[in-house]
Amino acid sequence: MPSTRNSPRNARRKAQRGRFPEPTEIRARLGDRSAVLIGMMGAGKSSVGRRLAARLGLPFIDADTEIEAAAGCSISEIFEQHGEAYFRDGERKVIARLLEDGPQVLATGGGAWMNDATRENIAAHGVSVWLNADLDVLLRRVKRRGNRPLLKVEDIDSTLRRLVGERYPVYALADATVHSRDVPHDVVVNEILAALDQCLPPAADESANDETAIDETASGETTGDETRMTS
């Protein structure tokens, strides 16, 4: 979905309102699209996503949980028994199915966004928000849990650094980016709401008001030019 975050019309609309976006307004503007959180393991997609869903009055869905339910075993077991390629194919199918059930707040696994078909599906059915966390923050968080298949290695630091280098340029293709760091979750939730406000098309009444303002401005400029030409 094309982003409107840098459009003059959007900037003018935000300046005219001069207020923080209301969750109910964001929810209405989402329509049947989902707010899809992407980012590395440890970025906070699940913890922040639950709070975002509560604010928006939408269900929260964790793609990894759904994958485990569909497979009847844990993600670690899928990796051990079938390998990463098998897991990624199942991940793609599950996310495609989940996106048909929007609107919702959907948290995806760290590698999901790297799949071309998944990125296309998210673009067609949702708005993507990258929770961008610094490497030191990720390291601190992931070392608290030992259930991440890609990090069952001796040198977690080097592995995570490599994944960051591979994935961050692709994550940057998301509709919006929000900095995930060690602050209260509601701070990040508020920033996601503001990011969605910039990404989503304006409500129908706001769009009509914008068109009226543009017409009035254009009319005033034309009148001024005509006056100068005839003076």
C-alpha atoms as a PDB file:
ATOM      1  CA  MET A   1       0.000   0.000   0.000  1.00  0.00           C
ATOM      2  CA  PRO A   2       1.498   3.384  -0.952  1.00  0.00           C
ATOM      3  CA  SER A   3       2.550   5.420   2.043  1.00  0.00           C
ATOM      4  CA  THR A   4       1.196   8.943   2.622  1.00  0.00           C
ATOM      5  CA  ARG A   5       3.524   9.687   5.534  1.00  0.00           C
ATOM      6  CA  ASN A   6       5.440  12.442   3.701  1.00  0.00           C
ATOM      7  CA  SER A   7       2.606  13.935   1.673  1.00  0.00           C
ATOM      8  CA  PRO A   8       1.937  17.684   2.110  1.00  0.00           C
ATOM      9  CA  ARG A   9      -1.745  16.932   2.499  1.00  0.00           C
ATOM     10  CA  ASN A  10      -1.066  14.579   5.403  1.00  0.00           C
ATOM     11  CA  ALA A  11       1.263  17.048   7.095  1.00  0.00           C
ATOM     12  CA  ARG A  12      -1.339  19.795   6.753  1.00  0.00           C
ATOM     13  CA  ARG A  13      -4.081  17.537   8.098  1.00  0.00           C
ATOM     14  CA  LYS A  14      -2.031  16.686  11.198  1.00  0.00           C
ATOM     15  CA  ALA A  15      -1.168  20.340  11.768  1.00  0.00           C
ATOM     16  CA  GLN A  16      -4.809  21.334  11.487  1.00  0.00           C
ATOM     17  CA  ARG A  17      -5.890  18.726  14.014  1.00  0.00           C
ATOM     18  CA  GLY A  18      -3.044  19.436  16.444  1.00  0.00           C
ATOM     19  CA  ARG A  19      -3.841  16.342  18.532  1.00  0.00           C
ATOM     20  CA  PHE A  20      -2.804  12.763  19.056  1.00  0.00           C
ATOM     21  CA  PRO A  21      -4.660  10.223  16.864  1.00  0.00           C
ATOM     22  CA  GLU A  22      -7.538   8.522  18.623  1.00  0.00           C
ATOM     23  CA  PRO A  23      -7.414   4.692  18.565  1.00  0.00           C
ATOM     24  CA  THR A  24     -11.066   4.573  17.467  1.00  0.00           C
ATOM     25  CA  GLU A  25     -10.198   6.769  14.493  1.00  0.00           C
ATOM     26  CA  ILE A  26      -7.225   4.586  13.543  1.00  0.00           C
ATOM     27  CA  ARG A  27      -9.404   1.495  13.881  1.00  0.00           C
ATOM     28  CA  ALA A  28     -12.002   2.974  11.529  1.00  0.00           C
ATOM     29  CA  ARG A  29      -9.373   3.940   8.966  1.00  0.00           C
ATOM     30  CA  LEU A  30      -7.881   0.448   9.015  1.00  0.00           C
ATOM     31  CA  GLY A  31     -11.129  -0.916   7.638  1.00  0.00           C
ATOM     32  CA  ASP A  32     -10.588  -4.634   7.011  1.00  0.00           C
ATOM     33  CA  ARG A  33      -6.772  -4.313   6.995  1.00  0.00           C
ATOM     34  CA  SER A  34      -4.553  -5.664   9.750  1.00  0.00           C
ATOM     35  CA  ALA A  35      -1.815  -3.868  11.630  1.00  0.00           C
ATOM     36  CA  VAL A  36       1.152  -6.197  11.096  1.00  0.00           C
ATOM     37  CA  LEU A  37       4.177  -5.955  13.373  1.00  0.00           C
ATOM     38  CA  ILE A  38       7.499  -7.104  11.948  1.00  0.00           C
ATOM     39  CA  GLY A  39      11.003  -7.142  13.362  1.00  0.00           C
ATOM     40  CA  MET A  40      13.668  -9.247  14.993  1.00  0.00           C
ATOM     41  CA  MET A  41      13.153 -11.712  17.818  1.00  0.00           C
ATOM     42  CA  GLY A  42      13.229  -9.672  21.000  1.00  0.00           C
ATOM     43  CA  ALA A  43      11.876  -6.520  19.350  1.00  0.00           C
ATOM     44  CA  GLY A  44       8.712  -6.702  21.465  1.00  0.00           C
ATOM     45  CA  LYS A  45       6.188  -7.597  18.777  1.00  0.00           C
ATOM     46  CA  SER A  46       4.079  -9.774  21.067  1.00  0.00           C
ATOM     47  CA  SER A  47       4.172  -7.695  24.241  1.00  0.00           C
ATOM     48  CA  VAL A  48       3.585  -4.414  22.418  1.00  0.00           C
ATOM     49  CA  GLY A  49       1.141  -6.022  19.998  1.00  0.00           C
ATOM     50  CA  ARG A  50      -1.184  -7.158  22.777  1.00  0.00           C
ATOM     51  CA  ARG A  51      -1.388  -3.638  24.157  1.00  0.00           C
ATOM     52  CA  LEU A  52      -1.873  -2.138  20.696  1.00  0.00           C
ATOM     53  CA  ALA A  53      -4.715  -4.575  20.014  1.00  0.00           C
ATOM     54  CA  ALA A  54      -6.397  -3.651  23.299  1.00  0.00           C
ATOM     55  CA  ARG A  55      -6.188   0.052  22.452  1.00  0.00           C
ATOM     56  CA  LEU A  56      -7.640  -0.531  18.984  1.00  0.00           C
ATOM     57  CA  GLY A  57     -10.319  -2.947  20.167  1.00  0.00           C
ATOM     58  CA  LEU A  58      -8.996  -5.650  17.824  1.00  0.00           C
ATOM     59  CA  PRO A  59      -7.942  -9.263  18.369  1.00  0.00           C
ATOM     60  CA  PHE A  60      -4.236  -9.932  18.820  1.00  0.00           C
ATOM     61  CA  ILE A  61      -2.802 -12.838  16.848  1.00  0.00           C
ATOM     62  CA  ASP A  62       0.719 -14.216  17.229  1.00  0.00           C
ATOM     63  CA  ALA A  63       1.724 -15.967  14.001  1.00  0.00           C
ATOM     64  CA  ASP A  64       4.194 -18.245  15.792  1.00  0.00           C
ATOM     65  CA  THR A  65       1.464 -19.468  18.157  1.00  0.00           C
ATOM     66  CA  GLU A  66      -0.809 -20.167  15.201  1.00  0.00           C
ATOM     67  CA  ILE A  67       1.958 -22.077  13.422  1.00  0.00           C
ATOM     68  CA  GLU A  68       2.490 -24.261  16.484  1.00  0.00           C
ATOM     69  CA  ALA A  69      -1.242 -24.907  16.756  1.00  0.00           C
ATOM     70  CA  ALA A  70      -1.423 -25.909  13.090  1.00  0.00           C
ATOM     71  CA  ALA A  71       1.625 -28.173  13.345  1.00  0.00           C
ATOM     72  CA  GLY A  72       0.747 -29.674  16.706  1.00  0.00           C
ATOM     73  CA  CYS A  73       4.260 -29.086  18.016  1.00  0.00           C
ATOM     74  CA  SER A  74       6.615 -26.261  18.974  1.00  0.00           C
ATOM     75  CA  ILE A  75       8.608 -24.208  16.491  1.00  0.00           C
ATOM     76  CA  SER A  76      11.812 -25.671  17.932  1.00  0.00           C
ATOM     77  CA  GLU A  77      10.482 -29.148  17.209  1.00  0.00           C
ATOM     78  CA  ILE A  78       9.539 -28.161  13.646  1.00  0.00           C
ATOM     79  CA  PHE A  79      13.091 -26.923  13.064  1.00  0.00           C
ATOM     80  CA  GLU A  80      14.600 -30.061  14.582  1.00  0.00           C
ATOM     81  CA  GLN A  81      12.373 -32.536  12.748  1.00  0.00           C
ATOM     82  CA  HIS A  82      11.896 -30.863   9.368  1.00  0.00           C
ATOM     83  CA  GLY A  83      14.382 -27.999   9.019  1.00  0.00           C
ATOM     84  CA  GLU A  84      14.049 -24.264   8.468  1.00  0.00           C
ATOM     85  CA  ALA A  85      12.863 -24.440   4.833  1.00  0.00           C
ATOM     86  CA  TYR A  86       9.877 -26.571   5.858  1.00  0.00           C
ATOM     87  CA  PHE A  87       9.061 -24.163   8.682  1.00  0.00           C
ATOM     88  CA  ARG A  88       9.269 -21.099   6.402  1.00  0.00           C
ATOM     89  CA  ASP A  89       6.858 -22.627   3.908  1.00  0.00           C
ATOM     90  CA  GLY A  90       4.368 -23.386   6.668  1.00  0.00           C
ATOM     91  CA  GLU A  91       4.866 -19.891   8.085  1.00  0.00           C
ATOM     92  CA  ARG A  92       4.035 -18.349   4.707  1.00  0.00           C
ATOM     93  CA  LYS A  93       0.826 -20.376   4.423  1.00  0.00           C
ATOM     94  CA  VAL A  94      -0.344 -19.630   7.960  1.00  0.00           C
ATOM     95  CA  ILE A  95       0.253 -15.867   7.626  1.00  0.00           C
ATOM     96  CA  ALA A  96      -1.599 -15.816   4.291  1.00  0.00           C
ATOM     97  CA  ARG A  97      -4.558 -17.496   5.992  1.00  0.00           C
ATOM     98  CA  LEU A  98      -4.468 -15.161   8.986  1.00  0.00           C
ATOM     99  CA  LEU A  99      -4.437 -12.058   6.787  1.00  0.00           C
ATOM    100  CA  GLU A 100      -7.755 -13.152   5.287  1.00  0.00           C
ATOM    101  CA  ASP A 101      -9.321 -12.801   8.741  1.00  0.00           C
ATOM    102  CA  GLY A 102      -8.524  -9.138   9.390  1.00  0.00           C
ATOM    103  CA  PRO A 103      -8.730  -6.668  10.866  1.00  0.00           C
ATOM    104  CA  GLN A 104      -6.423  -7.645  13.698  1.00  0.00           C
ATOM    105  CA  VAL A 105      -3.040  -6.879  15.186  1.00  0.00           C
ATOM    106  CA  LEU A 106      -0.744  -9.572  13.825  1.00  0.00           C
ATOM    107  CA  ALA A 107       2.736 -10.220  15.230  1.00  0.00           C
ATOM    108  CA  THR A 108       4.974 -12.114  12.812  1.00  0.00           C
ATOM    109  CA  GLY A 109       8.137 -14.110  13.399  1.00  0.00           C
ATOM    110  CA  GLY A 110      11.499 -12.503  12.763  1.00  0.00           C
ATOM    111  CA  GLY A 111      12.071 -14.208   9.415  1.00  0.00           C
ATOM    112  CA  ALA A 112       8.526 -13.958   8.024  1.00  0.00           C
ATOM    113  CA  TRP A 113       9.025 -10.571   6.352  1.00  0.00           C
ATOM    114  CA  MET A 114      12.000 -11.947   4.403  1.00  0.00           C
ATOM    115  CA  ASN A 115       9.633 -13.985   2.218  1.00  0.00           C
ATOM    116  CA  ASP A 116       8.596 -12.127  -0.957  1.00  0.00           C
ATOM    117  CA  ALA A 117       5.109 -13.663  -1.061  1.00  0.00           C
ATOM    118  CA  THR A 118       4.490 -12.786   2.588  1.00  0.00           C
ATOM    119  CA  ARG A 119       5.515  -9.168   2.015  1.00  0.00           C
ATOM    120  CA  GLU A 120       3.099  -8.985  -0.925  1.00  0.00           C
ATOM    121  CA  ASN A 121       0.287 -10.497   1.142  1.00  0.00           C
ATOM    122  CA  ILE A 122       0.877  -8.062   3.980  1.00  0.00           C
ATOM    123  CA  ALA A 123       0.921  -5.138   1.543  1.00  0.00           C
ATOM    124  CA  ALA A 124      -2.402  -6.306   0.091  1.00  0.00           C
ATOM    125  CA  HIS A 125      -4.170  -6.956   3.386  1.00  0.00           C
ATOM    126  CA  GLY A 126      -2.473  -4.843   6.029  1.00  0.00           C
ATOM    127  CA  VAL A 127      -0.197  -2.054   7.149  1.00  0.00           C
ATOM    128  CA  SER A 128       3.310  -3.113   8.175  1.00  0.00           C
ATOM    129  CA  VAL A 129       5.118  -1.572  11.139  1.00  0.00           C
ATOM    130  CA  TRP A 130       8.756  -2.433  11.811  1.00  0.00           C
ATOM    131  CA  LEU A 131       9.742  -2.444  15.485  1.00  0.00           C
ATOM    132  CA  ASN A 132      13.371  -1.464  15.053  1.00  0.00           C
ATOM    133  CA  ALA A 133      15.476  -2.359  18.077  1.00  0.00           C
ATOM    134  CA  ASP A 134      19.203  -1.732  18.496  1.00  0.00           C
ATOM    135  CA  LEU A 135      21.450  -4.773  18.602  1.00  0.00           C
ATOM    136  CA  ASP A 136      22.396  -4.346  22.270  1.00  0.00           C
ATOM    137  CA  VAL A 137      18.711  -4.231  23.240  1.00  0.00           C
ATOM    138  CA  LEU A 138      17.988  -7.395  21.259  1.00  0.00           C
ATOM    139  CA  LEU A 139      20.927  -9.221  22.809  1.00  0.00           C
ATOM    140  CA  ARG A 140      19.805  -8.318  26.293  1.00  0.00           C
ATOM    141  CA  ARG A 141      16.285  -9.541  25.634  1.00  0.00           C
ATOM    142  CA  VAL A 142      16.917 -12.766  23.706  1.00  0.00           C
ATOM    143  CA  LYS A 143      19.403 -14.065  26.253  1.00  0.00           C
ATOM    144  CA  ARG A 144      16.585 -14.220  28.788  1.00  0.00           C
ATOM    145  CA  ARG A 145      14.941 -17.011  26.767  1.00  0.00           C
ATOM    146  CA  GLY A 146      16.520 -20.108  25.272  1.00  0.00           C
ATOM    147  CA  ASN A 147      13.698 -21.290  23.024  1.00  0.00           C
ATOM    148  CA  ARG A 148      14.662 -19.535  19.784  1.00  0.00           C
ATOM    149  CA  PRO A 149      15.819 -22.101  17.192  1.00  0.00           C
ATOM    150  CA  LEU A 150      18.120 -19.777  15.258  1.00  0.00           C
ATOM    151  CA  LEU A 151      19.923 -18.813  18.467  1.00  0.00           C
ATOM    152  CA  LYS A 152      20.679 -22.315  19.705  1.00  0.00           C
ATOM    153  CA  VAL A 153      24.330 -21.698  18.902  1.00  0.00           C
ATOM    154  CA  GLU A 154      27.518 -21.106  20.855  1.00  0.00           C
ATOM    155  CA  ASP A 155      28.042 -17.525  19.695  1.00  0.00           C
ATOM    156  CA  ILE A 156      24.679 -15.814  20.020  1.00  0.00           C
ATOM    157  CA  ASP A 157      26.190 -12.341  19.597  1.00  0.00           C
ATOM    158  CA  SER A 158      27.692 -13.084  16.173  1.00  0.00           C
ATOM    159  CA  THR A 159      24.588 -14.909  14.960  1.00  0.00           C
ATOM    160  CA  LEU A 160      22.264 -12.094  15.977  1.00  0.00           C
ATOM    161  CA  ARG A 161      24.597  -9.510  14.465  1.00  0.00           C
ATOM    162  CA  ARG A 162      24.561 -11.442  11.166  1.00  0.00           C
ATOM    163  CA  LEU A 163      20.758 -11.684  11.171  1.00  0.00           C
ATOM    164  CA  VAL A 164      20.461  -7.954  11.842  1.00  0.00           C
ATOM    165  CA  GLY A 165      22.741  -7.225   8.893  1.00  0.00           C
ATOM    166  CA  GLU A 166      20.721  -9.467   6.591  1.00  0.00           C
ATOM    167  CA  ARG A 167      17.246  -8.480   7.699  1.00  0.00           C
ATOM    168  CA  TYR A 168      17.287  -4.789   8.557  1.00  0.00           C
ATOM    169  CA  PRO A 169      17.573  -3.560   4.940  1.00  0.00           C
ATOM    170  CA  VAL A 170      14.490  -5.651   4.103  1.00  0.00           C
ATOM    171  CA  TYR A 171      12.607  -4.632   7.239  1.00  0.00           C
ATOM    172  CA  ALA A 172      13.130  -1.038   6.075  1.00  0.00           C
ATOM    173  CA  LEU A 173      10.609  -1.725   3.275  1.00  0.00           C
ATOM    174  CA  ALA A 174       7.788  -1.669   5.845  1.00  0.00           C
ATOM    175  CA  ASP A 175       5.148   1.047   5.690  1.00  0.00           C
ATOM    176  CA  ALA A 176       6.337   2.532   8.992  1.00  0.00           C
ATOM    177  CA  THR A 177       9.177   2.209  11.478  1.00  0.00           C
ATOM    178  CA  VAL A 178       8.965   2.637  15.247  1.00  0.00           C
ATOM    179  CA  HIS A 179      11.978   2.515  17.559  1.00  0.00           C
ATOM    180  CA  SER A 180      11.676  -0.299  20.079  1.00  0.00           C
ATOM    181  CA  ARG A 181      13.683   0.373  23.221  1.00  0.00           C
ATOM    182  CA  ASP A 182      13.519  -0.026  26.987  1.00  0.00           C
ATOM    183  CA  VAL A 183      10.635   2.339  27.735  1.00  0.00           C
ATOM    184  CA  PRO A 184       7.097   1.611  29.006  1.00  0.00           C
ATOM    185  CA  HIS A 185       5.163  -0.376  26.431  1.00  0.00           C
ATOM    186  CA  ASP A 186       2.502   2.313  26.153  1.00  0.00           C
ATOM    187  CA  VAL A 187       5.122   4.757  24.862  1.00  0.00           C
ATOM    188  CA  VAL A 188       5.836   2.466  21.921  1.00  0.00           C
ATOM    189  CA  VAL A 189       2.120   1.805  21.423  1.00  0.00           C
ATOM    190  CA  ASN A 190       1.474   5.549  21.163  1.00  0.00           C
ATOM    191  CA  GLU A 191       4.244   5.845  18.580  1.00  0.00           C
ATOM    192  CA  ILE A 192       2.748   2.997  16.561  1.00  0.00           C
ATOM    193  CA  LEU A 193      -0.625   4.747  16.585  1.00  0.00           C
ATOM    194  CA  ALA A 194       1.046   7.928  15.337  1.00  0.00           C
ATOM    195  CA  ALA A 195       2.833   5.937  12.620  1.00  0.00           C
ATOM    196  CA  LEU A 196      -0.439   4.328  11.525  1.00  0.00           C
ATOM    197  CA  ASP A 197      -2.012   7.777  11.443  1.00  0.00           C
ATOM    198  CA  GLN A 198       0.578   8.829   8.880  1.00  0.00           C
ATOM    199  CA  CYS A 199       0.397   5.634   6.814  1.00  0.00           C
ATOM    200  CA  LEU A 200      -3.346   5.196   6.524  1.00  0.00           C
ATOM    201  CA  PRO A 201      -5.513   7.143   4.077  1.00  0.00           C
ATOM    202  CA  PRO A 202      -7.536   9.881   5.763  1.00  0.00           C
ATOM    203  CA  ALA A 203     -11.130   9.249   6.737  1.00  0.00           C
ATOM    204  CA  ALA A 204     -13.692  10.138   4.093  1.00  0.00           C
ATOM    205  CA  ASP A 205     -14.772  13.358   5.817  1.00  0.00           C
ATOM    206  CA  GLU A 206     -11.157  14.479   6.282  1.00  0.00           C
ATOM    207  CA  SER A 207     -10.405  13.775   2.625  1.00  0.00           C
ATOM    208  CA  ALA A 208     -13.384  15.878   1.584  1.00  0.00           C
ATOM    209  CA  ASN A 209     -12.235  18.714   3.857  1.00  0.00           C
ATOM    210  CA  ASP A 210      -8.745  18.520   2.369  1.00  0.00           C
ATOM    211  CA  GLU A 211     -10.122  18.745  -1.165  1.00  0.00           C
ATOM    212  CA  THR A 212     -12.206  21.768  -0.195  1.00  0.00           C
ATOM    213  CA  ALA A 213      -9.185  23.471   1.359  1.00  0.00           C
ATOM    214  CA  ILE A 214      -7.092  22.764  -1.735  1.00  0.00           C
ATOM    215  CA  ASP A 215      -9.834  24.107  -4.023  1.00  0.00           C
ATOM    216  CA  GLU A 216     -10.157  27.259  -1.936  1.00  0.00           C
ATOM    217  CA  THR A 217      -6.395  27.795  -1.927  1.00  0.00           C
ATOM    218  CA  ALA A 218      -6.161  27.250  -5.671  1.00  0.00           C
ATOM    219  CA  SER A 219      -9.066  29.619  -6.215  1.00  0.00           C
ATOM    220  CA  GLY A 220      -7.407  32.307  -4.121  1.00  0.00           C
ATOM    221  CA  GLU A 221      -4.107  31.933  -5.952  1.00  0.00           C
ATOM    222  CA  THR A 222      -5.842  32.166  -9.340  1.00  0.00           C
ATOM    223  CA  THR A 223      -7.715  35.284  -8.317  1.00  0.00           C
ATOM    224  CA  GLY A 224      -4.499  36.892  -7.176  1.00  0.00           C
ATOM    225  CA  ASP A 225      -2.726  36.095 -10.444  1.00  0.00           C
ATOM    226  CA  GLU A 226      -5.591  37.491 -12.507  1.00  0.00           C
ATOM    227  CA  THR A 227      -5.540  40.702 -10.463  1.00  0.00           C
ATOM    228  CA  ARG A 228      -1.839  41.177 -11.052  1.00  0.00           C
ATOM    229  CA  MET A 229      -2.163  40.510 -14.774  1.00  0.00           C
ATOM    230  CA  THR A 230      -4.887  43.119 -15.265  1.00  0.00           C
ATOM    231  CA  SER A 231      -3.464  45.805 -13.020  1.00  0.00           C
END
